[in-house]
Amino acid sequence: MPKHNNGIESLDQADPKKWEVPEPLGYLPPKWMSETYPGMEEDVAHDIYSAIFWRTLQRDIAEAEKNGTPPPDMNDVITRSAEIAKTIMAAAEHLPNVKDASERAFYALVYMVKKNNLQQLSKNEYSTIEEWLVDRLESLPPGSGEMSDITFLMGDVFPMLEKIKGGFEPANLLSLQSYWSKTRAAIPYLRFITNRHKEAVGEITHEIEKTTKRVVKLEALQRDRTPEHKKFGPTAERLKELRSVLVELNEKQENTAKEATDVWKKGVDKALSIISDNEVKPWGKEGERTVKAALFNGEKAEVRMYEGFQGVLPGRSMFVLILPSRYERTVEKALGGLIEWKLVDPHVMADELKKAVKTNPFAGDEIDDDLR
């Protein structure tokens, strides 16, 4: 049995005379605001319905007094039935808004955790918000689409918006239902421009890191040698070449980062203008002006093509690919049923590999073993 008269069960009675009005809300916060328990949905339905019923009734009474007409009589079956029907439908119409606001509140609170690293202060001392969410929220398993969206929004979009400001800080987006819906709809585009930026900057950064490691390795070897050592001269020459490459790479990184950031900012400005455009819908049918259609109009994913060499021999072909190391698994997976991969010395790959051997940023740790 319910702990209070929620008025809803009485509607199962065929006779409207037996329909009851809901019990008014008390002063204490409802249990469902701080606990999860069986029958929670019944209490939520009652409390929303009760709040709307009594507020609507008060408004109708005030309106009647203002107009000098009799106030609604809850003892009259027809009047009571009409008031109950009107407010139950109003409660049903309002609940999706409560759900939407709850989602925005969830993101606002999670961002506060992320921004201030509050998960590290919990009893379990979670390292990241992802660990905390996966552990505490069964509805957010690792690798789920929603978890991916949360991680992206918290780690990339919200910090980005705080830096840009201009009225589009996270709190402002979360406060407006229409803005928030459009922000969620813009996630694919925001991922697109952010990944494009990371790809442009990350590739050159990866080259610098690999070349720097080679320099450090060779410098360590060279410190223990005298000029008379048979490999002192070749190592010094290799170091000179690599340091020259590093200078060029750093200059390239600076220019690449500036260009990529300018393109990224234009993409962000475009997204924010679409989010604030009242004529654009968050979602819709094909042909309608939606966030996705407006943002991706004219945008094309840039596909980087890498060089491959094919040497044709009598009855055989030799293929050589020079790729960033992050593509290793892609190539291995694509050809896994045909190729058994083996590590070989790149020096056997003819003249075309000499350029890569000399300054190859994607080479393994053994590339300079000849100078040991």
Protein backbone atom coordinates (compact mmCIF):
# COMPACT_ATOMS: atom_id res chain seq x y z
CA MET A 1 0.00 0.00 0.00
CA PRO A 2 1.26 3.51 -0.74
CA LYS A 3 2.44 5.54 2.24
CA HIS A 4 0.34 8.48 1.10
CA ASN A 5 -2.72 9.06 -1.03
CA ASN A 6 -1.29 9.70 -4.46
CA GLY A 7 -4.73 9.99 -6.04
CA ILE A 8 -3.60 8.00 -9.06
CA GLU A 9 -4.78 4.56 -7.89
CA SER A 10 -8.30 5.91 -7.43
CA LEU A 11 -8.52 6.54 -11.17
CA ASP A 12 -8.80 2.79 -11.65
CA GLN A 13 -12.33 3.12 -10.28
CA ALA A 14 -14.91 3.28 -13.06
CA ASP A 15 -17.05 5.71 -11.08
CA PRO A 16 -15.59 9.27 -11.18
CA LYS A 17 -17.27 9.89 -7.83
CA LYS A 18 -14.57 7.71 -6.27
CA TRP A 19 -11.69 9.64 -7.84
CA GLU A 20 -9.55 11.37 -5.22
CA VAL A 21 -7.33 14.43 -5.36
CA PRO A 22 -3.62 13.88 -4.59
CA GLU A 23 -2.18 14.49 -1.16
CA PRO A 24 -0.35 17.85 -0.95
CA LEU A 25 3.42 17.74 -0.73
CA GLY A 26 5.06 18.16 2.66
CA TYR A 27 7.95 20.39 3.62
CA LEU A 28 10.63 17.69 3.64
CA PRO A 29 12.43 16.88 0.35
CA PRO A 30 10.96 13.81 -1.37
CA LYS A 31 12.78 10.54 -0.73
CA TRP A 32 13.48 10.03 -4.45
CA MET A 33 15.66 13.14 -4.54
CA SER A 34 18.35 11.39 -2.48
CA GLU A 35 17.64 7.64 -2.67
CA THR A 36 16.97 4.90 -5.22
CA TYR A 37 14.38 2.31 -4.22
CA PRO A 38 11.57 0.08 -5.58
CA GLY A 39 8.46 2.07 -6.40
CA MET A 40 10.47 5.24 -6.92
CA GLU A 41 8.65 5.97 -10.19
CA GLU A 42 5.29 5.98 -8.37
CA ASP A 43 6.51 8.58 -5.90
CA VAL A 44 7.99 10.73 -8.67
CA ALA A 45 4.71 10.56 -10.61
CA HIS A 46 2.72 11.47 -7.50
CA ASP A 47 4.92 14.38 -6.45
CA ILE A 48 5.02 15.97 -9.90
CA TYR A 49 1.27 15.43 -10.31
CA SER A 50 0.51 16.74 -6.80
CA ALA A 51 2.66 19.84 -7.26
CA ILE A 52 0.94 20.69 -10.55
CA PHE A 53 -2.55 19.86 -9.21
CA TRP A 54 -2.40 22.14 -6.15
CA ARG A 55 -0.61 24.95 -7.98
CA THR A 56 -3.17 24.79 -10.81
CA LEU A 57 -6.03 24.72 -8.32
CA GLN A 58 -4.64 27.76 -6.48
CA ARG A 59 -4.30 29.59 -9.78
CA ASP A 60 -7.86 28.68 -10.81
CA ILE A 61 -9.19 29.86 -7.42
CA ALA A 62 -7.30 33.15 -7.72
CA GLU A 63 -8.59 33.62 -11.26
CA ALA A 64 -12.17 32.97 -10.10
CA GLU A 65 -11.84 35.48 -7.27
CA LYS A 66 -10.44 38.03 -9.70
CA ASN A 67 -13.38 37.54 -12.05
CA GLY A 68 -15.96 37.37 -9.26
CA THR A 69 -17.01 33.83 -10.19
CA PRO A 70 -17.41 30.78 -7.93
CA PRO A 71 -14.09 28.94 -7.28
CA PRO A 72 -13.67 25.32 -8.38
CA ASP A 73 -15.62 23.03 -6.07
CA MET A 74 -13.70 19.82 -5.39
CA ASN A 75 -16.82 18.26 -3.92
CA ASP A 76 -18.48 18.50 -7.33
CA VAL A 77 -17.75 15.30 -9.26
CA ILE A 78 -17.60 16.93 -12.69
CA THR A 79 -15.36 19.80 -11.56
CA ARG A 80 -13.07 17.49 -9.58
CA SER A 81 -12.80 15.02 -12.47
CA ALA A 82 -11.96 17.80 -14.94
CA GLU A 83 -9.31 19.24 -12.59
CA ILE A 84 -7.75 15.80 -12.07
CA ALA A 85 -7.71 15.04 -15.81
CA LYS A 86 -6.24 18.42 -16.68
CA THR A 87 -3.40 18.22 -14.15
CA ILE A 88 -2.49 14.57 -14.80
CA MET A 89 -2.06 15.38 -18.49
CA ALA A 90 -0.07 18.50 -17.55
CA ALA A 91 2.19 16.36 -15.31
CA ALA A 92 2.77 13.88 -18.14
CA GLU A 93 3.64 16.75 -20.50
CA HIS A 94 6.03 18.25 -17.94
CA LEU A 95 7.97 15.10 -17.04
CA PRO A 96 10.07 15.06 -20.27
CA ASN A 97 11.26 18.54 -19.28
CA VAL A 98 12.21 17.22 -15.85
CA LYS A 99 14.12 14.38 -17.50
CA ASP A 100 15.93 16.84 -19.79
CA ALA A 101 16.80 19.14 -16.87
CA SER A 102 18.04 16.13 -14.87
CA GLU A 103 20.38 15.20 -17.71
CA ARG A 104 21.75 18.72 -17.88
CA ALA A 105 22.16 18.75 -14.10
CA PHE A 106 24.02 15.44 -14.35
CA TYR A 107 26.51 16.90 -16.85
CA ALA A 108 26.90 20.07 -14.75
CA LEU A 109 27.76 18.05 -11.62
CA VAL A 110 30.06 15.63 -13.47
CA TYR A 111 31.92 18.59 -14.97
CA MET A 112 32.44 20.02 -11.48
CA VAL A 113 33.97 16.68 -10.50
CA LYS A 114 36.17 16.67 -13.61
CA LYS A 115 37.20 20.31 -13.33
CA ASN A 116 38.25 20.03 -9.68
CA ASN A 117 39.37 16.37 -9.68
CA LEU A 118 36.89 15.65 -6.89
CA GLN A 119 36.90 11.92 -7.68
CA GLN A 120 40.39 11.76 -6.12
CA LEU A 121 38.92 12.88 -2.79
CA SER A 122 36.42 10.02 -2.63
CA LYS A 123 36.94 6.99 -0.39
CA ASN A 124 38.00 4.87 -3.37
CA GLU A 125 40.35 7.56 -4.73
CA TYR A 126 39.46 7.23 -8.42
CA SER A 127 42.17 8.49 -10.76
CA THR A 128 39.74 9.71 -13.44
CA ILE A 129 36.04 10.52 -13.73
CA GLU A 130 35.75 7.61 -16.18
CA GLU A 131 36.82 5.18 -13.44
CA TRP A 132 34.34 6.74 -11.03
CA LEU A 133 31.42 6.70 -13.50
CA VAL A 134 32.04 3.13 -14.65
CA ASP A 135 32.29 1.93 -11.06
CA ARG A 136 29.28 3.79 -9.70
CA LEU A 137 26.87 3.99 -12.65
CA GLU A 138 25.81 0.65 -14.12
CA SER A 139 24.15 2.48 -17.02
CA LEU A 140 27.55 3.71 -18.25
CA PRO A 141 29.65 0.66 -19.16
CA PRO A 142 33.17 1.19 -20.55
CA GLY A 143 33.14 1.89 -24.28
CA SER A 144 29.48 2.92 -24.38
CA GLY A 145 28.44 5.79 -26.62
CA GLU A 146 27.24 7.90 -23.71
CA MET A 147 30.48 7.35 -21.79
CA SER A 148 32.38 8.40 -24.90
CA ASP A 149 30.27 11.57 -25.18
CA ILE A 150 30.80 12.40 -21.50
CA THR A 151 34.55 11.93 -21.77
CA PHE A 152 34.72 14.07 -24.90
CA LEU A 153 32.53 16.87 -23.52
CA MET A 154 34.32 16.98 -20.17
CA GLY A 155 37.84 16.61 -21.53
CA ASP A 156 37.66 18.64 -24.74
CA VAL A 157 34.51 20.69 -25.32
CA PHE A 158 33.82 22.22 -21.90
CA PRO A 159 37.43 23.32 -21.22
CA MET A 160 37.53 24.69 -24.77
CA LEU A 161 34.34 26.70 -24.21
CA GLU A 162 35.65 28.14 -20.95
CA LYS A 163 38.70 29.46 -22.79
CA ILE A 164 36.68 30.94 -25.65
CA LYS A 165 33.94 32.40 -23.40
CA GLY A 166 31.73 34.89 -25.24
CA GLY A 167 28.55 33.70 -23.53
CA PHE A 168 28.99 30.04 -24.38
CA GLU A 169 30.55 28.79 -21.15
CA PRO A 170 29.37 25.32 -20.05
CA ALA A 171 27.03 26.77 -17.40
CA ASN A 172 25.25 28.90 -20.02
CA LEU A 173 24.85 26.00 -22.42
CA LEU A 174 23.52 23.76 -19.68
CA SER A 175 21.03 26.37 -18.48
CA LEU A 176 19.12 26.48 -21.77
CA GLN A 177 17.32 23.38 -22.98
CA SER A 178 17.49 24.36 -26.66
CA TYR A 179 21.23 25.17 -26.48
CA TRP A 180 22.00 21.93 -24.66
CA SER A 181 20.07 19.79 -27.14
CA LYS A 182 21.99 21.41 -29.97
CA THR A 183 25.29 20.96 -28.14
CA ARG A 184 24.61 17.23 -27.88
CA ALA A 185 23.65 17.17 -31.57
CA ALA A 186 26.91 18.99 -32.43
CA ILE A 187 29.13 16.36 -30.77
CA PRO A 188 29.93 14.48 -34.03
CA TYR A 189 31.09 17.73 -35.66
CA LEU A 190 33.04 18.83 -32.58
CA ARG A 191 34.74 15.43 -32.58
CA PHE A 192 35.52 15.86 -36.27
CA ILE A 193 37.25 19.24 -35.93
CA THR A 194 38.99 18.28 -32.67
CA ASN A 195 40.37 15.04 -34.13
CA ARG A 196 41.44 16.93 -37.23
CA HIS A 197 43.36 19.36 -35.02
CA LYS A 198 44.94 16.56 -32.97
CA GLU A 199 45.88 14.66 -36.12
CA ALA A 200 47.64 17.66 -37.64
CA VAL A 201 49.52 18.61 -34.47
CA GLY A 202 50.02 15.08 -33.15
CA GLU A 203 51.76 13.73 -36.23
CA ILE A 204 54.56 16.27 -36.17
CA THR A 205 54.81 15.98 -32.38
CA HIS A 206 55.26 12.23 -32.75
CA GLU A 207 58.08 12.79 -35.24
CA ILE A 208 59.82 15.17 -32.84
CA GLU A 209 59.52 12.74 -29.92
CA LYS A 210 60.95 9.84 -31.90
CA THR A 211 63.84 11.90 -33.29
CA THR A 212 64.58 13.37 -29.84
CA LYS A 213 64.81 9.87 -28.35
CA ARG A 214 67.34 8.93 -31.03
CA VAL A 215 69.42 12.02 -30.25
CA VAL A 216 69.37 11.31 -26.50
CA LYS A 217 70.35 7.69 -27.12
CA LEU A 218 73.28 8.59 -29.35
CA GLU A 219 74.43 11.38 -27.02
CA ALA A 220 74.57 8.88 -24.15
CA LEU A 221 76.74 6.56 -26.27
CA GLN A 222 78.99 9.39 -27.37
CA ARG A 223 79.72 10.60 -23.82
CA ASP A 224 81.73 7.46 -23.06
CA ARG A 225 83.81 7.64 -26.23
CA THR A 226 86.98 9.46 -27.17
CA PRO A 227 87.57 10.96 -30.62
CA GLU A 228 89.79 7.96 -31.33
CA HIS A 229 86.85 5.54 -31.02
CA LYS A 230 86.06 4.01 -34.42
CA LYS A 231 82.37 5.01 -34.18
CA PHE A 232 82.91 8.49 -32.71
CA GLY A 233 83.01 10.17 -36.13
CA PRO A 234 79.98 8.40 -37.66
CA THR A 235 77.96 8.99 -34.49
CA ALA A 236 78.86 12.69 -34.46
CA GLU A 237 77.77 12.98 -38.08
CA ARG A 238 74.49 11.18 -37.37
CA LEU A 239 73.85 13.48 -34.38
CA LYS A 240 74.48 16.53 -36.54
CA GLU A 241 71.97 15.27 -39.10
CA LEU A 242 69.32 14.48 -36.47
CA ARG A 243 69.73 17.83 -34.67
CA SER A 244 69.28 19.57 -38.00
CA VAL A 245 66.13 17.53 -38.57
CA LEU A 246 64.87 18.53 -35.10
CA VAL A 247 65.29 22.23 -35.89
CA GLU A 248 63.25 21.81 -39.06
CA LEU A 249 60.62 19.73 -37.27
CA ASN A 250 60.19 22.31 -34.50
CA GLU A 251 59.71 25.09 -37.03
CA LYS A 252 57.22 22.92 -38.87
CA GLN A 253 55.39 22.12 -35.62
CA GLU A 254 54.99 25.80 -34.77
CA ASN A 255 53.55 26.63 -38.18
CA THR A 256 51.37 23.52 -38.26
CA ALA A 257 49.99 24.19 -34.78
CA LYS A 258 49.09 27.77 -35.66
CA GLU A 259 47.37 26.79 -38.90
CA ALA A 260 45.52 23.87 -37.32
CA THR A 261 44.39 25.98 -34.36
CA ASP A 262 43.07 28.71 -36.65
CA VAL A 263 41.05 26.11 -38.58
CA TRP A 264 39.83 24.59 -35.32
CA LYS A 265 38.69 27.97 -33.94
CA LYS A 266 36.74 28.65 -37.11
CA GLY A 267 35.02 25.30 -36.64
CA VAL A 268 34.16 26.16 -33.03
CA ASP A 269 32.78 29.55 -34.06
CA LYS A 270 30.69 27.81 -36.70
CA ALA A 271 29.34 25.32 -34.14
CA LEU A 272 28.49 28.05 -31.63
CA SER A 273 26.69 30.11 -34.26
CA ILE A 274 24.59 27.08 -35.25
CA ILE A 275 23.83 26.27 -31.60
CA SER A 276 22.52 29.81 -31.05
CA ASP A 277 20.54 29.92 -34.31
CA ASN A 278 16.84 29.61 -33.46
CA GLU A 279 16.06 28.48 -37.01
CA VAL A 280 18.17 25.34 -36.68
CA LYS A 281 16.67 22.23 -35.06
CA PRO A 282 18.71 19.84 -32.89
CA TRP A 283 17.35 16.83 -34.78
CA GLY A 284 15.00 16.33 -37.67
CA LYS A 285 14.13 14.57 -40.88
CA GLU A 286 16.27 14.46 -43.97
CA GLY A 287 16.13 17.77 -45.79
CA GLU A 288 15.37 19.83 -42.69
CA ARG A 289 17.87 22.36 -41.38
CA THR A 290 19.33 20.45 -38.46
CA VAL A 291 22.54 20.94 -36.48
CA LYS A 292 24.28 18.05 -38.22
CA ALA A 293 23.25 19.17 -41.70
CA ALA A 294 24.25 22.78 -41.05
CA LEU A 295 27.62 21.93 -39.52
CA PHE A 296 28.79 19.30 -41.99
CA ASN A 297 27.68 21.28 -45.02
CA GLY A 298 30.83 21.79 -47.09
CA GLU A 299 33.03 19.82 -44.69
CA LYS A 300 35.04 16.88 -45.89
CA ALA A 301 37.21 14.56 -43.89
CA GLU A 302 40.81 14.95 -44.95
CA VAL A 303 42.39 11.61 -45.82
CA ARG A 304 46.18 11.52 -45.64
CA MET A 305 47.73 9.26 -48.24
CA TYR A 306 51.09 7.64 -47.48
CA GLU A 307 53.65 6.36 -49.98
CA GLY A 308 54.04 2.68 -50.69
CA PHE A 309 56.66 1.02 -52.89
CA GLN A 310 56.12 -2.05 -55.03
CA GLY A 311 59.09 -3.89 -56.45
CA VAL A 312 58.20 -6.35 -59.22
CA LEU A 313 60.35 -9.49 -59.46
CA PRO A 314 59.91 -12.47 -61.79
CA GLY A 315 56.81 -14.17 -60.45
CA ARG A 316 56.83 -12.11 -57.23
CA SER A 317 56.22 -8.62 -55.89
CA MET A 318 57.90 -6.81 -52.98
CA PHE A 319 55.87 -4.21 -51.07
CA VAL A 320 57.34 -1.59 -48.76
CA LEU A 321 55.16 0.70 -46.61
CA ILE A 322 56.50 3.57 -44.53
CA LEU A 323 53.77 4.54 -42.07
CA PRO A 324 53.40 6.15 -38.63
CA SER A 325 53.55 3.46 -35.95
CA ARG A 326 49.91 4.07 -34.95
CA TYR A 327 48.86 2.38 -38.22
CA GLU A 328 50.68 -0.87 -37.45
CA ARG A 329 47.59 -2.63 -36.07
CA THR A 330 45.45 -1.40 -38.97
CA VAL A 331 47.81 -2.87 -41.56
CA GLU A 332 48.38 -6.08 -39.58
CA LYS A 333 44.63 -6.59 -39.15
CA ALA A 334 43.87 -5.88 -42.81
CA LEU A 335 46.48 -8.38 -44.05
CA GLY A 336 46.52 -10.74 -41.06
CA GLY A 337 44.98 -13.62 -42.98
CA LEU A 338 47.57 -13.34 -45.75
CA ILE A 339 50.80 -12.13 -44.17
CA GLU A 340 52.88 -13.49 -41.29
CA TRP A 341 54.71 -10.40 -40.13
CA LYS A 342 58.43 -10.56 -39.26
CA LEU A 343 60.79 -7.81 -38.13
CA VAL A 344 63.67 -7.30 -40.58
CA ASP A 345 66.58 -4.92 -40.94
CA PRO A 346 65.37 -2.00 -43.12
CA HIS A 347 68.79 -1.81 -44.80
CA VAL A 348 67.75 -4.74 -47.04
CA MET A 349 64.97 -2.66 -48.60
CA ALA A 350 67.10 -1.13 -51.34
CA ASP A 351 67.77 2.50 -52.15
CA GLU A 352 64.22 3.71 -51.55
CA LEU A 353 64.63 3.00 -47.81
CA LYS A 354 67.88 4.92 -47.40
CA LYS A 355 66.05 8.22 -46.92
CA ALA A 356 63.85 6.67 -44.24
CA VAL A 357 66.80 4.98 -42.50
CA LYS A 358 68.63 8.30 -42.31
CA THR A 359 65.90 10.44 -40.73
CA ASN A 360 63.02 8.01 -40.31
CA PRO A 361 60.85 9.32 -37.43
CA PHE A 362 58.89 6.08 -37.31
CA ALA A 363 61.87 3.74 -36.93
CA GLY A 364 62.23 1.37 -34.01
CA ASP A 365 64.75 1.62 -31.16
CA GLU A 366 67.26 -0.54 -33.08
CA ILE A 367 67.65 1.97 -35.94
CA ASP A 368 71.04 3.23 -34.68
CA ASP A 369 72.43 -0.09 -33.49
CA ASP A 370 75.18 0.19 -36.08
CA LEU A 371 76.63 3.04 -34.02
CA ARG A 372 76.83 1.13 -30.72
